[in-house]
Amino acid sequence: MKKIVRLAVLGATALLLPINAALAAPSSQFDKPADEPTGIGNTVGLEYSQSNEFKKLFSSAVADGRKACDQYLKDHPGASDMCIVSDLDETLLDNREHFSSIQKFDWDKFVDWVNEAKAPSLKPTANLLEWARKKGFAIFFVTGRPEELRSATIKNLVKNGIAYDGLYLRPKDDKRSAIEIKTAYRKQIEDMGFKVVVNIGDQVSDLVGGYAVDCEKLPNKIYFIN
């Protein structure tokens, strides 16, 4: 994550759609990385995250994820192999307290924040995952956080009462892009025998690469990861 975070301003994605929009789409529609965005950063991103538009887009994407799960259950009665793959930062874990205390992204400061293990949950996503797990979906987290932050990440999830079935982080010294790493992990999950019904994240790089039925793009104007 340290190598691939770039702050820029909002622009068009490779899908010719605004990168901040919440998108519900088949995995096949996320077939390219996003273009370098323009117009994002701490100040504008934090302000945007308090707007009605942000809240509406976030809630809509989460609701679409639930609909996709419901549809899969109807189409596959008795299925026991389904799962959701979720990103963590700005998807489930809310880092706005940290970003409000700094002027621009600083990796070392972000690591210090993560080690405090006190990021609150974004309730719409947390509620979706709790509901899905009760419905028989396994929950896997695939994050760009590096392996050395595993302990702090687990502590944060435990504090927030988040139940899950697997946590995949960036391997030590792995320089691959977020797309390469996250795609490989989703393939690994499916190779175990699971079907990724919903893949949800705040970056296009969370979604590109396949190995998911439905993709949910959450809004984020604070930072961009390619």
Protein backbone atom coordinates (compact mmCIF):
# COMPACT_ATOMS: atom_id res chain seq x y z
CA MET A 1 0.00 0.00 0.00
CA LYS A 2 2.86 2.36 0.76
CA LYS A 3 4.08 2.26 -2.81
CA ILE A 4 0.79 2.60 -4.60
CA VAL A 5 -1.16 5.33 -2.80
CA ARG A 6 -1.38 8.44 -4.94
CA LEU A 7 -3.41 11.49 -4.03
CA ALA A 8 -4.87 13.27 -7.00
CA VAL A 9 -8.09 14.84 -8.22
CA LEU A 10 -11.16 13.13 -9.43
CA GLY A 11 -11.37 12.23 -13.09
CA ALA A 12 -12.82 9.60 -15.35
CA THR A 13 -12.23 5.95 -14.72
CA ALA A 14 -11.53 3.45 -17.46
CA LEU A 15 -15.26 2.78 -17.33
CA LEU A 16 -15.96 6.40 -18.27
CA LEU A 17 -17.84 6.77 -15.00
CA PRO A 18 -17.04 9.07 -12.05
CA ILE A 19 -14.69 7.28 -9.66
CA ASN A 20 -16.64 8.51 -6.63
CA ALA A 21 -19.87 6.93 -7.77
CA ALA A 22 -21.20 3.82 -6.08
CA LEU A 23 -21.40 1.23 -8.82
CA ALA A 24 -23.32 -2.03 -8.87
CA ALA A 25 -22.11 -4.13 -11.76
CA PRO A 26 -21.09 -7.57 -12.89
CA SER A 27 -17.41 -8.28 -12.36
CA SER A 28 -16.87 -8.25 -16.14
CA GLN A 29 -17.58 -4.51 -16.26
CA PHE A 30 -14.51 -3.83 -14.12
CA ASP A 31 -12.05 -5.00 -16.75
CA LYS A 32 -9.47 -2.19 -16.63
CA PRO A 33 -7.63 -0.16 -13.98
CA ALA A 34 -8.93 3.32 -13.27
CA ASP A 35 -7.22 6.30 -14.85
CA GLU A 36 -5.22 8.59 -12.57
CA PRO A 37 -7.90 10.71 -10.85
CA THR A 38 -7.91 14.43 -10.19
CA GLY A 39 -9.48 16.58 -7.45
CA ILE A 40 -9.31 14.44 -4.34
CA GLY A 41 -7.50 14.85 -1.04
CA ASN A 42 -8.04 15.09 2.68
CA THR A 43 -10.04 18.32 2.83
CA VAL A 44 -12.38 17.76 -0.09
CA GLY A 45 -12.68 14.06 0.68
CA LEU A 46 -13.61 14.58 4.31
CA GLU A 47 -16.14 17.25 3.39
CA TYR A 48 -17.63 15.01 0.74
CA SER A 49 -17.92 12.11 3.17
CA GLN A 50 -20.36 14.18 5.22
CA SER A 51 -22.56 15.02 2.24
CA ASN A 52 -25.96 13.55 1.47
CA GLU A 53 -24.62 12.41 -1.90
CA PHE A 54 -21.88 10.33 -0.28
CA LYS A 55 -24.29 8.76 2.19
CA LYS A 56 -26.80 7.97 -0.56
CA LEU A 57 -24.19 6.40 -2.85
CA PHE A 58 -22.66 4.38 -0.02
CA SER A 59 -26.02 3.09 1.20
CA SER A 60 -27.14 2.31 -2.36
CA ALA A 61 -24.04 0.22 -3.10
CA VAL A 62 -24.42 -1.74 0.13
CA ALA A 63 -28.12 -2.31 -0.59
CA ASP A 64 -27.24 -3.56 -4.08
CA GLY A 65 -24.78 -5.98 -2.51
CA ARG A 66 -27.51 -7.37 -0.32
CA LYS A 67 -29.81 -7.71 -3.32
CA ALA A 68 -27.10 -9.65 -5.15
CA CYS A 69 -26.80 -12.01 -2.18
CA ASP A 70 -30.56 -12.48 -2.03
CA GLN A 71 -30.69 -13.22 -5.75
CA TYR A 72 -27.88 -15.76 -5.47
CA LEU A 73 -29.71 -17.53 -2.65
CA LYS A 74 -32.87 -17.68 -4.76
CA ASP A 75 -30.97 -18.98 -7.80
CA HIS A 76 -28.94 -21.52 -5.78
CA PRO A 77 -31.17 -22.94 -3.04
CA GLY A 78 -29.20 -24.92 -0.52
CA ALA A 79 -25.87 -23.48 -1.62
CA SER A 80 -23.14 -23.55 1.01
CA ASP A 81 -20.18 -22.31 -0.99
CA MET A 82 -20.91 -18.59 -1.24
CA CYS A 83 -18.89 -15.74 0.22
CA ILE A 84 -18.37 -11.99 0.23
CA VAL A 85 -14.95 -10.43 -0.30
CA SER A 86 -14.59 -7.01 1.30
CA ASP A 87 -11.85 -4.42 1.40
CA LEU A 88 -11.16 -2.84 4.80
CA ASP A 89 -10.06 0.81 4.73
CA GLU A 90 -12.89 3.19 3.81
CA THR A 91 -15.03 0.13 3.05
CA LEU A 92 -15.48 -1.36 6.52
CA LEU A 93 -13.00 0.56 8.69
CA ASP A 94 -13.44 4.32 8.90
CA ASN A 95 -10.14 6.24 9.02
CA ARG A 96 -11.58 9.76 8.84
CA GLU A 97 -10.41 10.60 12.36
CA HIS A 98 -6.84 10.00 11.20
CA PHE A 99 -7.17 11.87 7.91
CA SER A 100 -8.70 14.86 9.66
CA SER A 101 -5.48 15.22 11.69
CA ILE A 102 -3.05 15.39 8.74
CA GLN A 103 -2.64 17.54 5.64
CA LYS A 104 -1.70 14.80 3.18
CA PHE A 105 -1.21 11.06 3.15
CA ASP A 106 1.83 9.94 5.15
CA TRP A 107 2.51 6.20 5.31
CA ASP A 108 4.35 6.22 8.64
CA LYS A 109 1.57 8.19 10.29
CA PHE A 110 -1.01 5.83 8.83
CA VAL A 111 0.86 2.85 10.28
CA ASP A 112 0.87 4.54 13.70
CA TRP A 113 -2.89 5.05 13.37
CA VAL A 114 -3.52 1.43 12.35
CA ASN A 115 -1.49 0.21 15.32
CA GLU A 116 -3.86 2.07 17.62
CA ALA A 117 -6.57 -0.32 16.37
CA LYS A 118 -9.36 2.15 17.00
CA ALA A 119 -10.94 2.83 13.60
CA PRO A 120 -14.73 2.58 13.92
CA SER A 121 -16.78 0.48 11.54
CA LEU A 122 -18.76 1.94 8.68
CA LYS A 123 -22.15 0.70 9.80
CA PRO A 124 -23.78 -0.01 6.41
CA THR A 125 -20.97 -2.39 5.44
CA ALA A 126 -20.75 -3.93 8.90
CA ASN A 127 -24.49 -4.58 8.87
CA LEU A 128 -24.31 -6.14 5.39
CA LEU A 129 -21.54 -8.53 6.44
CA GLU A 130 -23.31 -9.49 9.66
CA TRP A 131 -26.54 -10.18 7.76
CA ALA A 132 -24.74 -12.15 5.03
CA ARG A 133 -22.88 -14.34 7.51
CA LYS A 134 -26.17 -15.25 9.18
CA LYS A 135 -27.45 -16.21 5.72
CA GLY A 136 -24.56 -18.62 5.26
CA PHE A 137 -22.03 -16.46 3.41
CA ALA A 138 -18.40 -16.73 4.44
CA ILE A 139 -16.69 -13.35 4.88
CA PHE A 140 -13.17 -12.75 3.61
CA PHE A 141 -11.24 -9.49 3.95
CA VAL A 142 -8.74 -8.70 1.21
CA THR A 143 -6.76 -5.57 2.04
CA GLY A 144 -3.75 -3.67 0.83
CA ARG A 145 -2.48 -3.40 4.39
CA PRO A 146 0.88 -5.19 4.69
CA GLU A 147 1.31 -8.43 6.61
CA GLU A 148 3.13 -6.68 9.47
CA LEU A 149 -0.16 -4.94 10.33
CA ARG A 150 -2.06 -8.21 10.77
CA SER A 151 -2.09 -8.15 14.58
CA ALA A 152 -3.29 -4.54 14.80
CA THR A 153 -5.92 -5.19 12.13
CA ILE A 154 -7.28 -8.23 13.96
CA LYS A 155 -7.40 -6.27 17.22
CA ASN A 156 -9.43 -3.54 15.51
CA LEU A 157 -11.86 -6.04 14.01
CA VAL A 158 -12.27 -7.79 17.36
CA LYS A 159 -12.88 -4.48 19.14
CA ASN A 160 -15.61 -3.72 16.61
CA GLY A 161 -17.21 -7.13 16.97
CA ILE A 162 -16.68 -8.04 13.32
CA ALA A 163 -16.95 -11.77 12.59
CA TYR A 164 -15.09 -13.07 9.54
CA ASP A 165 -13.56 -16.20 8.07
CA GLY A 166 -10.29 -15.08 6.51
CA LEU A 167 -7.97 -12.06 6.39
CA TYR A 168 -5.66 -11.58 3.41
CA LEU A 169 -2.97 -8.87 3.55
CA ARG A 170 -0.14 -7.77 1.25
CA PRO A 171 2.75 -10.24 1.68
CA LYS A 172 5.99 -8.83 3.06
CA ASP A 173 8.09 -7.07 0.40
CA ASP A 174 5.49 -7.84 -2.30
CA LYS A 175 5.69 -5.01 -4.87
CA ARG A 176 2.82 -6.10 -7.08
CA SER A 177 -0.06 -3.72 -7.74
CA ALA A 178 -3.22 -3.83 -5.66
CA ILE A 179 -5.04 -5.31 -8.63
CA GLU A 180 -2.56 -8.17 -9.01
CA ILE A 181 -2.54 -9.05 -5.32
CA LYS A 182 -6.28 -8.79 -4.76
CA THR A 183 -7.14 -10.71 -7.92
CA ALA A 184 -4.77 -13.51 -6.88
CA TYR A 185 -6.38 -13.70 -3.45
CA ARG A 186 -9.90 -13.88 -4.90
CA LYS A 187 -8.75 -16.68 -7.19
CA GLN A 188 -7.26 -18.44 -4.17
CA ILE A 189 -10.57 -18.11 -2.32
CA GLU A 190 -12.49 -19.56 -5.26
CA ASP A 191 -9.88 -22.33 -5.61
CA MET A 192 -10.77 -23.32 -2.03
CA GLY A 193 -14.29 -24.00 -3.28
CA PHE A 194 -16.05 -20.70 -2.54
CA LYS A 195 -18.02 -18.55 -4.96
CA VAL A 196 -17.40 -14.83 -4.51
CA VAL A 197 -20.94 -13.50 -4.86
CA VAL A 198 -20.13 -9.91 -3.90
CA ASN A 199 -16.81 -8.08 -4.02
CA ILE A 200 -17.05 -4.68 -2.32
CA GLY A 201 -14.50 -1.88 -2.04
CA ASP A 202 -13.91 1.85 -2.31
CA GLN A 203 -11.31 1.61 -5.12
CA VAL A 204 -11.66 0.34 -8.67
CA SER A 205 -8.46 -1.62 -7.97
CA ASP A 206 -10.43 -3.60 -5.36
CA LEU A 207 -12.75 -4.83 -8.11
CA VAL A 208 -10.76 -5.28 -11.33
CA GLY A 209 -9.58 -8.78 -12.17
CA GLY A 210 -12.66 -10.97 -12.01
CA TYR A 211 -13.45 -13.81 -9.60
CA ALA A 212 -16.72 -12.26 -8.41
CA VAL A 213 -20.34 -12.29 -9.54
CA ASP A 214 -21.25 -8.77 -8.39
CA CYS A 215 -19.01 -5.76 -7.70
CA GLU A 216 -19.91 -2.83 -5.47
CA LYS A 217 -17.89 0.39 -5.78
CA LEU A 218 -18.15 2.66 -2.74
CA PRO A 219 -17.45 6.40 -2.90
CA ASN A 220 -14.09 7.78 -1.73
CA LYS A 221 -12.58 11.20 -2.52
CA ILE A 222 -9.84 11.10 0.12
CA TYR A 223 -7.27 8.99 -1.78
CA PHE A 224 -6.74 6.80 -4.82
CA ILE A 225 -4.99 3.43 -5.12
CA ASN A 226 -4.11 2.03 -8.53
